[in-house]
Amino acid sequence: MNPLFDVLRHTLNDFFEEAFLHYLTLNTNIDDFKRIYWRGNGGTYSGDVIIGEIHAKDLQRILEMVEKASNQLDLIPIRTYIKEQIGYELRSGEEERKRKFINPEGW
């Protein structure tokens, strides 16, 4: 599934949301959901960016798509998981911001 959604995300971005929502109607298994790199699997960042905040923003976009699905009751575990991941990324971003403040030359 990762290669399929990776292609959709990068080449058919307009179709990504539709495919994502269709996937959620067919499979609401949280373990399967966790195995897919919904926001991609890395990237290159330059400049003065907080990576945790970028990841949290990507996950927020995924959460907004999940909230558009019709089967909301089935998606409670997935929504909870995404919210936990957003919280983790925001905390990570805050730690990154502290490290940059304490040691600006280290970056």
C-alpha atoms as a PDB file:
ATOM      1  CA  MET A   1       0.000   0.000   0.000  1.00  0.00           C
ATOM      2  CA  ASN A   2       2.872   2.391   0.690  1.00  0.00           C
ATOM      3  CA  PRO A   3       4.022   2.569  -2.948  1.00  0.00           C
ATOM      4  CA  LEU A   4       0.460   3.131  -4.154  1.00  0.00           C
ATOM      5  CA  PHE A   5      -0.266   5.979  -1.756  1.00  0.00           C
ATOM      6  CA  ASP A   6       3.198   7.432  -2.350  1.00  0.00           C
ATOM      7  CA  VAL A   7       2.477   7.698  -6.071  1.00  0.00           C
ATOM      8  CA  LEU A   8      -0.937   9.203  -5.400  1.00  0.00           C
ATOM      9  CA  ARG A   9       0.498  11.721  -2.953  1.00  0.00           C
ATOM     10  CA  HIS A  10       3.214  12.887  -5.350  1.00  0.00           C
ATOM     11  CA  THR A  11       1.678  12.606  -8.800  1.00  0.00           C
ATOM     12  CA  LEU A  12      -2.104  12.560  -8.370  1.00  0.00           C
ATOM     13  CA  ASN A  13      -2.422  14.708  -5.271  1.00  0.00           C
ATOM     14  CA  ASP A  14      -5.975  15.744  -6.189  1.00  0.00           C
ATOM     15  CA  PHE A  15      -7.000  12.079  -6.175  1.00  0.00           C
ATOM     16  CA  PHE A  16      -5.160  11.252  -2.922  1.00  0.00           C
ATOM     17  CA  GLU A  17      -8.001  12.327  -0.626  1.00  0.00           C
ATOM     18  CA  GLU A  18     -10.589  10.367  -2.577  1.00  0.00           C
ATOM     19  CA  ALA A  19      -8.415   7.238  -2.545  1.00  0.00           C
ATOM     20  CA  PHE A  20      -7.651   7.736   1.148  1.00  0.00           C
ATOM     21  CA  LEU A  21     -11.331   7.991   2.061  1.00  0.00           C
ATOM     22  CA  HIS A  22     -12.129   4.965  -0.081  1.00  0.00           C
ATOM     23  CA  TYR A  23      -9.406   3.007   1.718  1.00  0.00           C
ATOM     24  CA  LEU A  24     -10.972   3.958   5.065  1.00  0.00           C
ATOM     25  CA  THR A  25     -14.365   2.639   3.964  1.00  0.00           C
ATOM     26  CA  LEU A  26     -12.749  -0.710   3.166  1.00  0.00           C
ATOM     27  CA  ASN A  27     -10.279  -1.041   6.026  1.00  0.00           C
ATOM     28  CA  THR A  28     -10.482   0.580   9.451  1.00  0.00           C
ATOM     29  CA  ASN A  29      -7.947  -1.718  11.111  1.00  0.00           C
ATOM     30  CA  ILE A  30      -5.645   0.455  13.215  1.00  0.00           C
ATOM     31  CA  ASP A  31      -2.654  -1.875  12.782  1.00  0.00           C
ATOM     32  CA  ASP A  32      -2.944  -1.689   9.000  1.00  0.00           C
ATOM     33  CA  PHE A  33      -3.338   2.081   9.184  1.00  0.00           C
ATOM     34  CA  LYS A  34      -0.143   2.417  11.238  1.00  0.00           C
ATOM     35  CA  ARG A  35       1.880   0.525   8.611  1.00  0.00           C
ATOM     36  CA  ILE A  36       1.187   3.047   5.872  1.00  0.00           C
ATOM     37  CA  TYR A  37       3.323   6.188   5.583  1.00  0.00           C
ATOM     38  CA  TRP A  38       0.418   8.575   5.124  1.00  0.00           C
ATOM     39  CA  ARG A  39       2.556  11.698   5.236  1.00  0.00           C
ATOM     40  CA  GLY A  40       5.515  10.196   3.391  1.00  0.00           C
ATOM     41  CA  ASN A  41       8.628   8.581   4.730  1.00  0.00           C
ATOM     42  CA  GLY A  42      11.066  11.400   5.245  1.00  0.00           C
ATOM     43  CA  GLY A  43      12.251  14.361   3.360  1.00  0.00           C
ATOM     44  CA  THR A  44      14.914  17.002   3.125  1.00  0.00           C
ATOM     45  CA  TYR A  45      14.623  20.139   5.180  1.00  0.00           C
ATOM     46  CA  SER A  46      16.776  23.212   4.972  1.00  0.00           C
ATOM     47  CA  GLY A  47      16.803  26.536   6.651  1.00  0.00           C
ATOM     48  CA  ASP A  48      15.369  27.436   9.995  1.00  0.00           C
ATOM     49  CA  VAL A  49      12.453  25.008  10.143  1.00  0.00           C
ATOM     50  CA  ILE A  50      11.040  22.982  13.007  1.00  0.00           C
ATOM     51  CA  ILE A  51      10.604  19.488  11.594  1.00  0.00           C
ATOM     52  CA  GLY A  52       8.162  18.394  14.298  1.00  0.00           C
ATOM     53  CA  GLU A  53       5.828  21.238  13.355  1.00  0.00           C
ATOM     54  CA  ILE A  54       5.978  20.280   9.671  1.00  0.00           C
ATOM     55  CA  HIS A  55       5.148  16.668  10.516  1.00  0.00           C
ATOM     56  CA  ALA A  56       2.315  17.767  12.840  1.00  0.00           C
ATOM     57  CA  LYS A  57       0.851  19.908  10.057  1.00  0.00           C
ATOM     58  CA  ASP A  58       0.959  16.956   7.645  1.00  0.00           C
ATOM     59  CA  LEU A  59      -0.761  14.760  10.220  1.00  0.00           C
ATOM     60  CA  GLN A  60      -3.377  17.448  10.854  1.00  0.00           C
ATOM     61  CA  ARG A  61      -4.193  17.341   7.133  1.00  0.00           C
ATOM     62  CA  ILE A  62      -4.607  13.557   7.353  1.00  0.00           C
ATOM     63  CA  LEU A  63      -6.853  13.967  10.426  1.00  0.00           C
ATOM     64  CA  GLU A  64      -9.012  16.476   8.569  1.00  0.00           C
ATOM     65  CA  MET A  65      -9.479  13.947   5.770  1.00  0.00           C
ATOM     66  CA  VAL A  66     -10.368  11.205   8.277  1.00  0.00           C
ATOM     67  CA  GLU A  67     -13.005  13.490   9.769  1.00  0.00           C
ATOM     68  CA  LYS A  68     -14.679  13.721   6.345  1.00  0.00           C
ATOM     69  CA  ALA A  69     -15.268   9.960   6.202  1.00  0.00           C
ATOM     70  CA  SER A  70     -18.796   8.666   6.676  1.00  0.00           C
ATOM     71  CA  ASN A  71     -17.911   5.780   9.017  1.00  0.00           C
ATOM     72  CA  GLN A  72     -16.806   7.921  11.992  1.00  0.00           C
ATOM     73  CA  LEU A  73     -17.620   5.342  14.662  1.00  0.00           C
ATOM     74  CA  ASP A  74     -15.309   2.795  13.040  1.00  0.00           C
ATOM     75  CA  LEU A  75     -12.558   5.411  12.766  1.00  0.00           C
ATOM     76  CA  ILE A  76     -12.306   6.340  16.449  1.00  0.00           C
ATOM     77  CA  PRO A  77      -9.090   4.311  16.982  1.00  0.00           C
ATOM     78  CA  ILE A  78      -7.524   5.853  13.872  1.00  0.00           C
ATOM     79  CA  ARG A  79      -8.488   9.389  14.890  1.00  0.00           C
ATOM     80  CA  THR A  80      -7.092   8.758  18.379  1.00  0.00           C
ATOM     81  CA  TYR A  81      -3.840   7.423  16.924  1.00  0.00           C
ATOM     82  CA  ILE A  82      -3.422  10.435  14.618  1.00  0.00           C
ATOM     83  CA  LYS A  83      -4.092  12.854  17.472  1.00  0.00           C
ATOM     84  CA  GLU A  84      -1.460  11.071  19.579  1.00  0.00           C
ATOM     85  CA  GLN A  85       1.030  11.343  16.722  1.00  0.00           C
ATOM     86  CA  ILE A  86       0.273  15.060  16.297  1.00  0.00           C
ATOM     87  CA  GLY A  87       0.915  15.565  20.019  1.00  0.00           C
ATOM     88  CA  TYR A  88       4.183  13.641  19.786  1.00  0.00           C
ATOM     89  CA  GLU A  89       5.349  15.725  16.806  1.00  0.00           C
ATOM     90  CA  LEU A  90       4.431  18.993  18.516  1.00  0.00           C
ATOM     91  CA  ARG A  91       6.390  17.967  21.633  1.00  0.00           C
ATOM     92  CA  SER A  92       9.286  16.944  19.411  1.00  0.00           C
ATOM     93  CA  GLY A  93       9.129  20.326  17.680  1.00  0.00           C
ATOM     94  CA  GLU A  94       9.176  22.107  21.032  1.00  0.00           C
ATOM     95  CA  GLU A  95      12.268  20.152  22.098  1.00  0.00           C
ATOM     96  CA  GLU A  96      13.896  20.980  18.774  1.00  0.00           C
ATOM     97  CA  ARG A  97      13.124  24.663  19.292  1.00  0.00           C
ATOM     98  CA  LYS A  98      14.714  24.502  22.787  1.00  0.00           C
ATOM     99  CA  ARG A  99      17.847  22.820  21.433  1.00  0.00           C
ATOM    100  CA  LYS A 100      18.186  25.468  18.731  1.00  0.00           C
ATOM    101  CA  PHE A 101      17.745  28.227  21.309  1.00  0.00           C
ATOM    102  CA  ILE A 102      20.309  26.773  23.704  1.00  0.00           C
ATOM    103  CA  ASN A 103      22.870  25.987  20.998  1.00  0.00           C
ATOM    104  CA  PRO A 104      22.167  28.079  17.884  1.00  0.00           C
ATOM    105  CA  GLU A 105      25.596  27.356  16.405  1.00  0.00           C
ATOM    106  CA  GLY A 106      25.076  23.584  16.686  1.00  0.00           C
ATOM    107  CA  TRP A 107      22.535  23.613  13.905  1.00  0.00           C
END
